[in-house]
N, C-alpha and C. Protein backbone atom coordinates (compact mmCIF):
# COMPACT_ATOMS: atom_id res chain seq x y z
N UNK A 1 -35.99 -41.29 272.58
CA UNK A 1 -36.79 -40.82 273.69
C UNK A 1 -36.48 -39.36 273.99
N UNK A 2 -35.23 -38.97 273.87
CA UNK A 2 -34.83 -37.59 274.14
C UNK A 2 -35.64 -36.61 273.30
N UNK A 3 -35.77 -36.89 272.03
CA UNK A 3 -36.47 -35.98 271.11
C UNK A 3 -37.94 -35.83 271.49
N UNK A 4 -38.58 -36.90 271.92
CA UNK A 4 -39.99 -36.84 272.32
C UNK A 4 -40.16 -35.94 273.54
N UNK A 5 -39.32 -36.11 274.54
CA UNK A 5 -39.40 -35.28 275.74
C UNK A 5 -39.10 -33.83 275.41
N UNK A 6 -38.11 -33.58 274.57
CA UNK A 6 -37.76 -32.21 274.18
C UNK A 6 -38.93 -31.53 273.49
N UNK A 7 -39.58 -32.22 272.57
CA UNK A 7 -40.73 -31.63 271.87
C UNK A 7 -41.88 -31.34 272.82
N UNK A 8 -42.14 -32.24 273.77
CA UNK A 8 -43.22 -32.01 274.75
C UNK A 8 -42.92 -30.78 275.60
N UNK A 9 -41.70 -30.66 276.08
CA UNK A 9 -41.31 -29.53 276.92
C UNK A 9 -41.43 -28.23 276.13
N UNK A 10 -40.96 -28.22 274.90
CA UNK A 10 -41.04 -27.03 274.04
C UNK A 10 -42.48 -26.63 273.78
N UNK A 11 -43.34 -27.59 273.45
CA UNK A 11 -44.74 -27.29 273.13
C UNK A 11 -45.50 -26.77 274.33
N UNK A 12 -45.11 -27.17 275.54
CA UNK A 12 -45.78 -26.70 276.75
C UNK A 12 -45.27 -25.33 277.19
N UNK A 13 -44.22 -24.83 276.51
CA UNK A 13 -43.69 -23.52 276.84
C UNK A 13 -42.70 -23.50 278.00
N UNK A 14 -41.99 -24.59 278.18
CA UNK A 14 -41.00 -24.68 279.26
C UNK A 14 -39.61 -24.85 278.67
N UNK A 15 -38.61 -24.63 279.53
CA UNK A 15 -37.24 -24.96 279.16
C UNK A 15 -36.62 -25.74 280.31
N UNK A 16 -35.70 -26.62 279.98
CA UNK A 16 -35.04 -27.45 280.99
C UNK A 16 -33.93 -26.63 281.63
N UNK A 17 -33.98 -26.53 282.96
CA UNK A 17 -32.95 -25.81 283.71
C UNK A 17 -31.86 -26.74 284.23
N UNK A 18 -32.29 -27.96 284.61
CA UNK A 18 -31.34 -28.90 285.21
C UNK A 18 -31.85 -30.32 285.00
N UNK A 19 -30.94 -31.23 284.76
CA UNK A 19 -31.26 -32.66 284.70
C UNK A 19 -30.39 -33.33 285.76
N UNK A 20 -31.05 -33.99 286.71
CA UNK A 20 -30.33 -34.67 287.79
C UNK A 20 -30.57 -36.17 287.67
N UNK A 21 -29.52 -36.92 287.36
CA UNK A 21 -29.62 -38.37 287.27
C UNK A 21 -29.74 -38.90 288.70
N UNK A 22 -30.82 -39.66 288.96
CA UNK A 22 -31.11 -40.10 290.32
C UNK A 22 -30.88 -41.59 290.54
N UNK A 23 -30.86 -42.36 289.45
CA UNK A 23 -30.77 -43.81 289.61
C UNK A 23 -30.29 -44.45 288.32
N UNK A 24 -29.56 -45.55 288.47
CA UNK A 24 -29.15 -46.34 287.30
C UNK A 24 -29.54 -47.78 287.55
N UNK A 25 -30.29 -48.35 286.62
CA UNK A 25 -30.69 -49.75 286.71
C UNK A 25 -30.22 -50.41 285.42
N UNK A 26 -29.26 -51.31 285.56
CA UNK A 26 -28.62 -51.96 284.42
C UNK A 26 -28.08 -50.87 283.48
N UNK A 27 -28.61 -50.73 282.30
CA UNK A 27 -28.14 -49.72 281.35
C UNK A 27 -29.12 -48.56 281.19
N UNK A 28 -30.11 -48.46 282.08
CA UNK A 28 -31.10 -47.38 282.01
C UNK A 28 -30.83 -46.37 283.12
N UNK A 29 -30.99 -45.10 282.79
CA UNK A 29 -30.81 -44.03 283.76
C UNK A 29 -32.15 -43.35 284.02
N UNK A 30 -32.41 -43.02 285.28
CA UNK A 30 -33.60 -42.29 285.67
C UNK A 30 -33.15 -40.91 286.13
N UNK A 31 -33.95 -39.89 285.78
CA UNK A 31 -33.54 -38.53 286.11
C UNK A 31 -34.74 -37.67 286.46
N UNK A 32 -34.48 -36.60 287.22
CA UNK A 32 -35.47 -35.57 287.49
C UNK A 32 -35.15 -34.40 286.58
N UNK A 33 -36.19 -33.85 285.96
CA UNK A 33 -36.03 -32.67 285.12
C UNK A 33 -36.55 -31.47 285.88
N UNK A 34 -35.78 -30.42 285.93
CA UNK A 34 -36.20 -29.17 286.55
C UNK A 34 -36.50 -28.19 285.43
N UNK A 35 -37.75 -27.75 285.35
CA UNK A 35 -38.22 -26.92 284.25
C UNK A 35 -38.57 -25.52 284.74
N UNK A 36 -38.53 -24.57 283.83
CA UNK A 36 -39.03 -23.23 284.12
C UNK A 36 -39.84 -22.76 282.92
N UNK A 37 -40.86 -21.96 283.20
CA UNK A 37 -41.74 -21.44 282.16
C UNK A 37 -40.99 -20.37 281.37
N UNK A 38 -41.09 -20.44 280.06
CA UNK A 38 -40.46 -19.45 279.18
C UNK A 38 -41.38 -18.24 279.09
N UNK A 39 -40.87 -17.08 279.43
CA UNK A 39 -41.64 -15.83 279.33
C UNK A 39 -41.28 -15.13 278.03
N UNK A 40 -42.30 -14.83 277.25
CA UNK A 40 -42.05 -14.18 275.96
C UNK A 40 -42.42 -12.72 276.07
C-alpha cells in the first residue's frame, strides 16, 4: 500500500511533509498525510 500512495503523491507533484498516526485498530494504523506542492 505504501508504494501505491507514494506513486500517487509523486505523480500529482506533491511531497509528504509529515505523517501523523491518528488511530490504531487491531493491527491497522490510520494516519493523516500533510503534503506540500513541489515547486520546480
